[in-house]
């Protein structure tokens, strides 16, 4: 089997500690705009690009043919961005359990680290900067020579707005690392759409982590190649490959 050359990880809930702030901010923007979305439905759509989620939910509420959907989705998204950016600017942000241990292992074994997210670039940068992961990246949010932190950050902005479950962000990361075989790549996330994301990219392992936004019981019904209690459990998995 070919060696693993790249690990692609989600941000919120996977590498960035999630305290349900995204759902809280999303709900606040939805309520402000008269969008009725249950907490369960919002959670189920975690990991998708957020403008896409607003469009999906407005369609569910108003029907596919309603001419107001695009306008309502755009306004809801604008409000969500304001609320979310303010939250992340004014509250502490921490890496998840096992994150720094995994990063150290991947650097030691010359395995690339790419972070993907459903966030747009501006809010991704706020998070990355507060964690100290942005400062060493060059133009294009890449530094393949990094010996700490991450090597690459990818948002839907870099792939013409095409978020998960499209494989485009993983394929973009592979291109930047000069990787052509997805069997040299592992993807990890904490939502059902993260699992579909990895499967659609045909990576070697599409893994879920169970200490983020979704529990083991919420993830195990979706196609996956394994579920981890924390992302540093990947170390043992790679050693066994």
C-alpha atoms as a PDB file:
ATOM      1  CA  UNK A   1       0.000   0.000   0.000  1.00  0.00           C
ATOM      2  CA  UNK A   2       1.145   3.546  -0.696  1.00  0.00           C
ATOM      3  CA  UNK A   3       2.124   5.696   2.297  1.00  0.00           C
ATOM      4  CA  UNK A   4      -0.193   8.402   3.618  1.00  0.00           C
ATOM      5  CA  UNK A   5       1.043  11.776   2.368  1.00  0.00           C
ATOM      6  CA  UNK A   6      -1.807  14.090   3.391  1.00  0.00           C
ATOM      7  CA  UNK A   7      -4.358  14.313   6.198  1.00  0.00           C
ATOM      8  CA  UNK A   8      -7.301  16.641   5.528  1.00  0.00           C
ATOM      9  CA  UNK A   9      -9.151  17.816   8.625  1.00  0.00           C
ATOM     10  CA  UNK A  10     -12.293  19.818   9.243  1.00  0.00           C
ATOM     11  CA  UNK A  11     -12.078  22.913  11.455  1.00  0.00           C
ATOM     12  CA  UNK A  12     -15.020  23.535  13.844  1.00  0.00           C
ATOM     13  CA  UNK A  13     -15.620  20.435  15.942  1.00  0.00           C
ATOM     14  CA  UNK A  14     -12.635  18.501  14.567  1.00  0.00           C
ATOM     15  CA  UNK A  15      -9.505  20.609  15.068  1.00  0.00           C
ATOM     16  CA  UNK A  16     -11.216  23.625  16.655  1.00  0.00           C
ATOM     17  CA  UNK A  17     -13.165  23.116  19.874  1.00  0.00           C
ATOM     18  CA  UNK A  18     -16.885  23.488  19.227  1.00  0.00           C
ATOM     19  CA  UNK A  19     -19.193  24.724  21.958  1.00  0.00           C
ATOM     20  CA  UNK A  20     -22.197  24.895  19.633  1.00  0.00           C
ATOM     21  CA  UNK A  21     -21.396  28.519  18.831  1.00  0.00           C
ATOM     22  CA  UNK A  22     -22.009  27.974  15.116  1.00  0.00           C
ATOM     23  CA  UNK A  23     -25.489  26.575  15.720  1.00  0.00           C
ATOM     24  CA  UNK A  24     -26.176  29.397  18.204  1.00  0.00           C
ATOM     25  CA  UNK A  25     -25.126  32.097  15.738  1.00  0.00           C
ATOM     26  CA  UNK A  26     -26.967  30.404  12.882  1.00  0.00           C
ATOM     27  CA  UNK A  27     -30.154  30.146  14.963  1.00  0.00           C
ATOM     28  CA  UNK A  28     -29.872  33.801  15.947  1.00  0.00           C
ATOM     29  CA  UNK A  29     -29.631  34.896  12.312  1.00  0.00           C
ATOM     30  CA  UNK A  30     -32.464  32.565  11.285  1.00  0.00           C
ATOM     31  CA  UNK A  31     -34.756  33.902  14.022  1.00  0.00           C
ATOM     32  CA  UNK A  32     -33.935  37.496  13.122  1.00  0.00           C
ATOM     33  CA  UNK A  33     -35.098  36.810   9.553  1.00  0.00           C
ATOM     34  CA  UNK A  34     -38.196  34.756  10.382  1.00  0.00           C
ATOM     35  CA  UNK A  35     -36.701  31.437   9.305  1.00  0.00           C
ATOM     36  CA  UNK A  36     -38.080  28.530  11.317  1.00  0.00           C
ATOM     37  CA  UNK A  37     -35.389  25.887  11.738  1.00  0.00           C
ATOM     38  CA  UNK A  38     -35.186  23.426  14.605  1.00  0.00           C
ATOM     39  CA  UNK A  39     -31.963  22.898  16.516  1.00  0.00           C
ATOM     40  CA  UNK A  40     -31.899  19.311  15.221  1.00  0.00           C
ATOM     41  CA  UNK A  41     -32.206  20.416  11.587  1.00  0.00           C
ATOM     42  CA  UNK A  42     -29.458  23.024  11.978  1.00  0.00           C
ATOM     43  CA  UNK A  43     -27.162  20.437  13.556  1.00  0.00           C
ATOM     44  CA  UNK A  44     -27.887  17.954  10.759  1.00  0.00           C
ATOM     45  CA  UNK A  45     -26.646  20.514   8.211  1.00  0.00           C
ATOM     46  CA  UNK A  46     -23.401  21.341  10.015  1.00  0.00           C
ATOM     47  CA  UNK A  47     -20.416  21.153   7.692  1.00  0.00           C
ATOM     48  CA  UNK A  48     -22.182  22.481   4.595  1.00  0.00           C
ATOM     49  CA  UNK A  49     -21.357  25.944   3.236  1.00  0.00           C
ATOM     50  CA  UNK A  50     -23.597  28.246   5.239  1.00  0.00           C
ATOM     51  CA  UNK A  51     -25.213  30.169   2.366  1.00  0.00           C
ATOM     52  CA  UNK A  52     -26.210  26.811   0.926  1.00  0.00           C
ATOM     53  CA  UNK A  53     -27.788  25.863   4.264  1.00  0.00           C
ATOM     54  CA  UNK A  54     -29.855  29.041   4.392  1.00  0.00           C
ATOM     55  CA  UNK A  55     -31.060  28.386   0.834  1.00  0.00           C
ATOM     56  CA  UNK A  56     -31.987  24.797   1.729  1.00  0.00           C
ATOM     57  CA  UNK A  57     -33.915  25.858   4.820  1.00  0.00           C
ATOM     58  CA  UNK A  58     -35.764  28.686   3.074  1.00  0.00           C
ATOM     59  CA  UNK A  59     -36.795  26.235   0.336  1.00  0.00           C
ATOM     60  CA  UNK A  60     -38.070  23.865   3.038  1.00  0.00           C
ATOM     61  CA  UNK A  61     -40.093  26.682   4.596  1.00  0.00           C
ATOM     62  CA  UNK A  62     -41.397  28.445   1.478  1.00  0.00           C
ATOM     63  CA  UNK A  63     -41.276  25.855  -1.289  1.00  0.00           C
ATOM     64  CA  UNK A  64     -38.910  25.505  -4.238  1.00  0.00           C
ATOM     65  CA  UNK A  65     -40.716  27.975  -6.485  1.00  0.00           C
ATOM     66  CA  UNK A  66     -40.912  30.967  -4.125  1.00  0.00           C
ATOM     67  CA  UNK A  67     -39.200  33.950  -5.771  1.00  0.00           C
ATOM     68  CA  UNK A  68     -38.020  35.370  -2.437  1.00  0.00           C
ATOM     69  CA  UNK A  69     -35.698  32.464  -1.545  1.00  0.00           C
ATOM     70  CA  UNK A  70     -32.452  33.879  -2.926  1.00  0.00           C
ATOM     71  CA  UNK A  71     -33.050  37.303  -1.362  1.00  0.00           C
ATOM     72  CA  UNK A  72     -34.016  35.849   2.010  1.00  0.00           C
ATOM     73  CA  UNK A  73     -31.068  33.439   1.999  1.00  0.00           C
ATOM     74  CA  UNK A  74     -28.598  36.212   1.168  1.00  0.00           C
ATOM     75  CA  UNK A  75     -29.903  38.493   3.934  1.00  0.00           C
ATOM     76  CA  UNK A  76     -29.894  35.665   6.478  1.00  0.00           C
ATOM     77  CA  UNK A  77     -26.331  34.850   5.482  1.00  0.00           C
ATOM     78  CA  UNK A  78     -25.193  38.472   5.846  1.00  0.00           C
ATOM     79  CA  UNK A  79     -26.654  38.597   9.352  1.00  0.00           C
ATOM     80  CA  UNK A  80     -25.095  35.233  10.223  1.00  0.00           C
ATOM     81  CA  UNK A  81     -21.658  36.435   9.134  1.00  0.00           C
ATOM     82  CA  UNK A  82     -21.906  39.566  11.303  1.00  0.00           C
ATOM     83  CA  UNK A  83     -23.023  37.544  14.330  1.00  0.00           C
ATOM     84  CA  UNK A  84     -20.433  34.790  13.864  1.00  0.00           C
ATOM     85  CA  UNK A  85     -17.473  37.090  13.208  1.00  0.00           C
ATOM     86  CA  UNK A  86     -18.309  39.116  16.306  1.00  0.00           C
ATOM     87  CA  UNK A  87     -18.542  35.937  18.362  1.00  0.00           C
ATOM     88  CA  UNK A  88     -15.157  34.597  17.273  1.00  0.00           C
ATOM     89  CA  UNK A  89     -13.465  37.994  17.666  1.00  0.00           C
ATOM     90  CA  UNK A  90     -14.691  38.383  21.237  1.00  0.00           C
ATOM     91  CA  UNK A  91     -14.437  34.838  22.615  1.00  0.00           C
ATOM     92  CA  UNK A  92     -11.477  32.499  23.191  1.00  0.00           C
ATOM     93  CA  UNK A  93     -10.824  29.707  20.684  1.00  0.00           C
ATOM     94  CA  UNK A  94      -9.059  26.444  21.518  1.00  0.00           C
ATOM     95  CA  UNK A  95      -7.816  23.399  19.581  1.00  0.00           C
ATOM     96  CA  UNK A  96      -9.653  20.132  20.230  1.00  0.00           C
ATOM     97  CA  UNK A  97      -8.364  17.346  22.458  1.00  0.00           C
ATOM     98  CA  UNK A  98      -5.558  15.494  20.704  1.00  0.00           C
ATOM     99  CA  UNK A  99      -5.163  18.084  17.932  1.00  0.00           C
ATOM    100  CA  UNK A 100      -1.697  19.337  18.826  1.00  0.00           C
ATOM    101  CA  UNK A 101      -0.508  15.772  19.495  1.00  0.00           C
ATOM    102  CA  UNK A 102      -1.678  14.715  16.031  1.00  0.00           C
ATOM    103  CA  UNK A 103      -0.076  17.741  14.349  1.00  0.00           C
ATOM    104  CA  UNK A 104       3.273  16.951  16.017  1.00  0.00           C
ATOM    105  CA  UNK A 105       3.078  13.334  14.818  1.00  0.00           C
ATOM    106  CA  UNK A 106       2.200  14.321  11.248  1.00  0.00           C
ATOM    107  CA  UNK A 107       5.087  16.808  11.097  1.00  0.00           C
ATOM    108  CA  UNK A 108       7.492  14.188  12.450  1.00  0.00           C
ATOM    109  CA  UNK A 109       6.447  11.758   9.716  1.00  0.00           C
ATOM    110  CA  UNK A 110       6.403  14.371   6.906  1.00  0.00           C
ATOM    111  CA  UNK A 111       2.653  14.045   6.343  1.00  0.00           C
ATOM    112  CA  UNK A 112       0.852  17.140   5.089  1.00  0.00           C
ATOM    113  CA  UNK A 113      -1.853  18.890   7.156  1.00  0.00           C
ATOM    114  CA  UNK A 114      -4.706  20.626   5.301  1.00  0.00           C
ATOM    115  CA  UNK A 115      -7.696  22.177   7.024  1.00  0.00           C
ATOM    116  CA  UNK A 116     -11.005  22.480   5.181  1.00  0.00           C
ATOM    117  CA  UNK A 117     -14.170  24.164   6.371  1.00  0.00           C
ATOM    118  CA  UNK A 118     -17.662  25.248   5.443  1.00  0.00           C
ATOM    119  CA  UNK A 119     -16.753  28.737   6.696  1.00  0.00           C
ATOM    120  CA  UNK A 120     -15.956  31.526   4.252  1.00  0.00           C
ATOM    121  CA  UNK A 121     -12.395  32.851   4.217  1.00  0.00           C
ATOM    122  CA  UNK A 122     -12.809  35.852   6.513  1.00  0.00           C
ATOM    123  CA  UNK A 123     -14.135  33.915   9.490  1.00  0.00           C
ATOM    124  CA  UNK A 124     -11.722  31.035   8.859  1.00  0.00           C
ATOM    125  CA  UNK A 125      -8.878  33.535   9.110  1.00  0.00           C
ATOM    126  CA  UNK A 126     -10.152  34.923  12.415  1.00  0.00           C
ATOM    127  CA  UNK A 127     -10.097  31.414  13.869  1.00  0.00           C
ATOM    128  CA  UNK A 128      -6.738  30.466  12.360  1.00  0.00           C
ATOM    129  CA  UNK A 129      -5.108  33.674  13.555  1.00  0.00           C
ATOM    130  CA  UNK A 130      -6.355  33.278  17.134  1.00  0.00           C
ATOM    131  CA  UNK A 131      -4.986  29.722  17.200  1.00  0.00           C
ATOM    132  CA  UNK A 132      -1.623  30.828  15.772  1.00  0.00           C
ATOM    133  CA  UNK A 133      -2.080  28.761  12.600  1.00  0.00           C
ATOM    134  CA  UNK A 134      -2.436  31.624  10.112  1.00  0.00           C
ATOM    135  CA  UNK A 135       0.706  33.645  10.731  1.00  0.00           C
ATOM    136  CA  UNK A 136       3.166  31.261   9.040  1.00  0.00           C
ATOM    137  CA  UNK A 137       1.057  30.704   5.912  1.00  0.00           C
ATOM    138  CA  UNK A 138       2.012  32.498   2.709  1.00  0.00           C
ATOM    139  CA  UNK A 139      -0.153  33.941  -0.039  1.00  0.00           C
ATOM    140  CA  UNK A 140      -2.802  31.397  -0.939  1.00  0.00           C
ATOM    141  CA  UNK A 141      -2.906  30.213   2.699  1.00  0.00           C
ATOM    142  CA  UNK A 142      -0.176  27.658   2.109  1.00  0.00           C
ATOM    143  CA  UNK A 143       3.284  26.844   3.466  1.00  0.00           C
ATOM    144  CA  UNK A 144       4.390  23.314   2.668  1.00  0.00           C
ATOM    145  CA  UNK A 145       7.641  23.907   4.594  1.00  0.00           C
ATOM    146  CA  UNK A 146       5.883  24.529   7.921  1.00  0.00           C
ATOM    147  CA  UNK A 147       7.312  22.500  10.787  1.00  0.00           C
ATOM    148  CA  UNK A 148       4.488  23.397  13.202  1.00  0.00           C
ATOM    149  CA  UNK A 149       0.830  24.256  12.730  1.00  0.00           C
ATOM    150  CA  UNK A 150      -0.768  23.569   9.350  1.00  0.00           C
ATOM    151  CA  UNK A 151       0.447  23.483   5.766  1.00  0.00           C
ATOM    152  CA  UNK A 152      -2.710  24.589   3.965  1.00  0.00           C
ATOM    153  CA  UNK A 153      -6.116  26.128   4.646  1.00  0.00           C
ATOM    154  CA  UNK A 154      -8.966  25.675   2.168  1.00  0.00           C
ATOM    155  CA  UNK A 155     -12.425  27.259   2.265  1.00  0.00           C
ATOM    156  CA  UNK A 156     -15.210  27.140  -0.340  1.00  0.00           C
ATOM    157  CA  UNK A 157     -13.907  30.549  -1.505  1.00  0.00           C
ATOM    158  CA  UNK A 158     -10.881  28.831  -3.052  1.00  0.00           C
ATOM    159  CA  UNK A 159     -13.019  26.435  -5.116  1.00  0.00           C
ATOM    160  CA  UNK A 160     -15.605  28.802  -6.597  1.00  0.00           C
ATOM    161  CA  UNK A 161     -17.892  28.461  -3.575  1.00  0.00           C
ATOM    162  CA  UNK A 162     -18.280  24.707  -3.958  1.00  0.00           C
ATOM    163  CA  UNK A 163     -18.461  23.386  -0.402  1.00  0.00           C
ATOM    164  CA  UNK A 164     -19.079  19.923   0.979  1.00  0.00           C
ATOM    165  CA  UNK A 165     -20.102  17.267   0.076  1.00  0.00           C
ATOM    166  CA  UNK A 166     -18.437  18.167  -3.245  1.00  0.00           C
ATOM    167  CA  UNK A 167     -14.863  16.774  -3.191  1.00  0.00           C
ATOM    168  CA  UNK A 168     -13.431  19.981  -4.663  1.00  0.00           C
ATOM    169  CA  UNK A 169     -11.699  21.219  -1.472  1.00  0.00           C
ATOM    170  CA  UNK A 170      -9.912  17.883  -1.013  1.00  0.00           C
ATOM    171  CA  UNK A 171      -8.943  17.835  -4.686  1.00  0.00           C
ATOM    172  CA  UNK A 172      -7.656  21.404  -4.377  1.00  0.00           C
ATOM    173  CA  UNK A 173      -5.506  20.359  -1.397  1.00  0.00           C
ATOM    174  CA  UNK A 174      -4.184  17.333  -3.295  1.00  0.00           C
ATOM    175  CA  UNK A 175      -3.201  19.550  -6.209  1.00  0.00           C
ATOM    176  CA  UNK A 176      -1.294  21.922  -3.922  1.00  0.00           C
ATOM    177  CA  UNK A 177       0.612  18.979  -2.420  1.00  0.00           C
ATOM    178  CA  UNK A 178       1.289  17.436  -5.841  1.00  0.00           C
ATOM    179  CA  UNK A 179      -0.755  14.345  -4.974  1.00  0.00           C
ATOM    180  CA  UNK A 180      -2.659  12.556  -7.745  1.00  0.00           C
ATOM    181  CA  UNK A 181      -3.723   9.377  -5.924  1.00  0.00           C
ATOM    182  CA  UNK A 182      -6.511   9.874  -3.334  1.00  0.00           C
ATOM    183  CA  UNK A 183      -5.352   6.620  -1.696  1.00  0.00           C
ATOM    184  CA  UNK A 184      -2.517   8.686  -0.229  1.00  0.00           C
ATOM    185  CA  UNK A 185      -5.042  10.905   1.573  1.00  0.00           C
ATOM    186  CA  UNK A 186      -7.075  10.577   4.788  1.00  0.00           C
ATOM    187  CA  UNK A 187     -10.030  12.860   5.582  1.00  0.00           C
ATOM    188  CA  UNK A 188     -11.443  13.441   9.071  1.00  0.00           C
ATOM    189  CA  UNK A 189     -14.504  15.401  10.181  1.00  0.00           C
ATOM    190  CA  UNK A 190     -17.193  15.436  12.833  1.00  0.00           C
ATOM    191  CA  UNK A 191     -20.353  15.650  10.712  1.00  0.00           C
ATOM    192  CA  UNK A 192     -22.203  13.370   8.279  1.00  0.00           C
ATOM    193  CA  UNK A 193     -21.371  15.694   5.383  1.00  0.00           C
ATOM    194  CA  UNK A 194     -17.666  15.458   6.295  1.00  0.00           C
ATOM    195  CA  UNK A 195     -17.927  11.690   5.839  1.00  0.00           C
ATOM    196  CA  UNK A 196     -19.675  12.101   2.484  1.00  0.00           C
ATOM    197  CA  UNK A 197     -17.000  14.666   1.538  1.00  0.00           C
ATOM    198  CA  UNK A 198     -14.240  12.099   2.042  1.00  0.00           C
ATOM    199  CA  UNK A 199     -16.173   9.324   0.323  1.00  0.00           C
ATOM    200  CA  UNK A 200     -16.882  11.544  -2.702  1.00  0.00           C
ATOM    201  CA  UNK A 201     -13.164  12.321  -2.972  1.00  0.00           C
ATOM    202  CA  UNK A 202     -12.439   8.556  -2.836  1.00  0.00           C
ATOM    203  CA  UNK A 203      -9.777   9.047  -0.169  1.00  0.00           C
ATOM    204  CA  UNK A 204      -8.110   6.085   1.493  1.00  0.00           C
ATOM    205  CA  UNK A 205      -9.996   6.626   4.751  1.00  0.00           C
ATOM    206  CA  UNK A 206     -13.047   8.827   5.366  1.00  0.00           C
ATOM    207  CA  UNK A 207     -13.104   8.998   9.156  1.00  0.00           C
ATOM    208  CA  UNK A 208     -15.387  10.581  11.721  1.00  0.00           C
ATOM    209  CA  UNK A 209     -14.425  11.971  15.117  1.00  0.00           C
ATOM    210  CA  UNK A 210     -16.999  11.620  17.877  1.00  0.00           C
ATOM    211  CA  UNK A 211     -16.127  14.421  20.308  1.00  0.00           C
ATOM    212  CA  UNK A 212     -17.183  17.285  18.042  1.00  0.00           C
ATOM    213  CA  UNK A 213     -20.672  18.373  16.994  1.00  0.00           C
ATOM    214  CA  UNK A 214     -21.912  14.805  16.451  1.00  0.00           C
ATOM    215  CA  UNK A 215     -21.754  11.747  18.675  1.00  0.00           C
ATOM    216  CA  UNK A 216     -20.823   8.225  17.641  1.00  0.00           C
ATOM    217  CA  UNK A 217     -24.495   7.237  17.480  1.00  0.00           C
ATOM    218  CA  UNK A 218     -25.212  10.192  15.171  1.00  0.00           C
ATOM    219  CA  UNK A 219     -22.343   9.306  12.818  1.00  0.00           C
ATOM    220  CA  UNK A 220     -22.349   5.514  12.732  1.00  0.00           C
ATOM    221  CA  UNK A 221     -25.347   5.292  10.393  1.00  0.00           C
ATOM    222  CA  UNK A 222     -23.463   7.141   7.649  1.00  0.00           C
ATOM    223  CA  UNK A 223     -20.907   5.476   5.335  1.00  0.00           C
ATOM    224  CA  UNK A 224     -17.468   5.738   6.919  1.00  0.00           C
ATOM    225  CA  UNK A 225     -14.130   3.972   7.259  1.00  0.00           C
ATOM    226  CA  UNK A 226     -13.941   4.309  11.017  1.00  0.00           C
ATOM    227  CA  UNK A 227     -14.969   6.509  13.936  1.00  0.00           C
ATOM    228  CA  UNK A 228     -12.449   7.971  16.383  1.00  0.00           C
ATOM    229  CA  UNK A 229     -12.986   9.140  19.964  1.00  0.00           C
ATOM    230  CA  UNK A 230     -10.519  11.990  19.348  1.00  0.00           C
ATOM    231  CA  UNK A 231      -8.402  12.914  16.345  1.00  0.00           C
ATOM    232  CA  UNK A 232      -5.107  11.827  17.933  1.00  0.00           C
ATOM    233  CA  UNK A 233      -6.438   8.251  17.687  1.00  0.00           C
ATOM    234  CA  UNK A 234      -5.436   8.582  14.036  1.00  0.00           C
ATOM    235  CA  UNK A 235      -1.805   8.141  15.126  1.00  0.00           C
ATOM    236  CA  UNK A 236      -2.338   4.468  15.977  1.00  0.00           C
ATOM    237  CA  UNK A 237      -4.342   3.979  12.788  1.00  0.00           C
ATOM    238  CA  UNK A 238      -1.570   5.375  10.568  1.00  0.00           C
ATOM    239  CA  UNK A 239       1.034   3.282  12.396  1.00  0.00           C
ATOM    240  CA  UNK A 240      -1.000   0.191  11.545  1.00  0.00           C
ATOM    241  CA  UNK A 241      -1.325   0.982   7.838  1.00  0.00           C
END
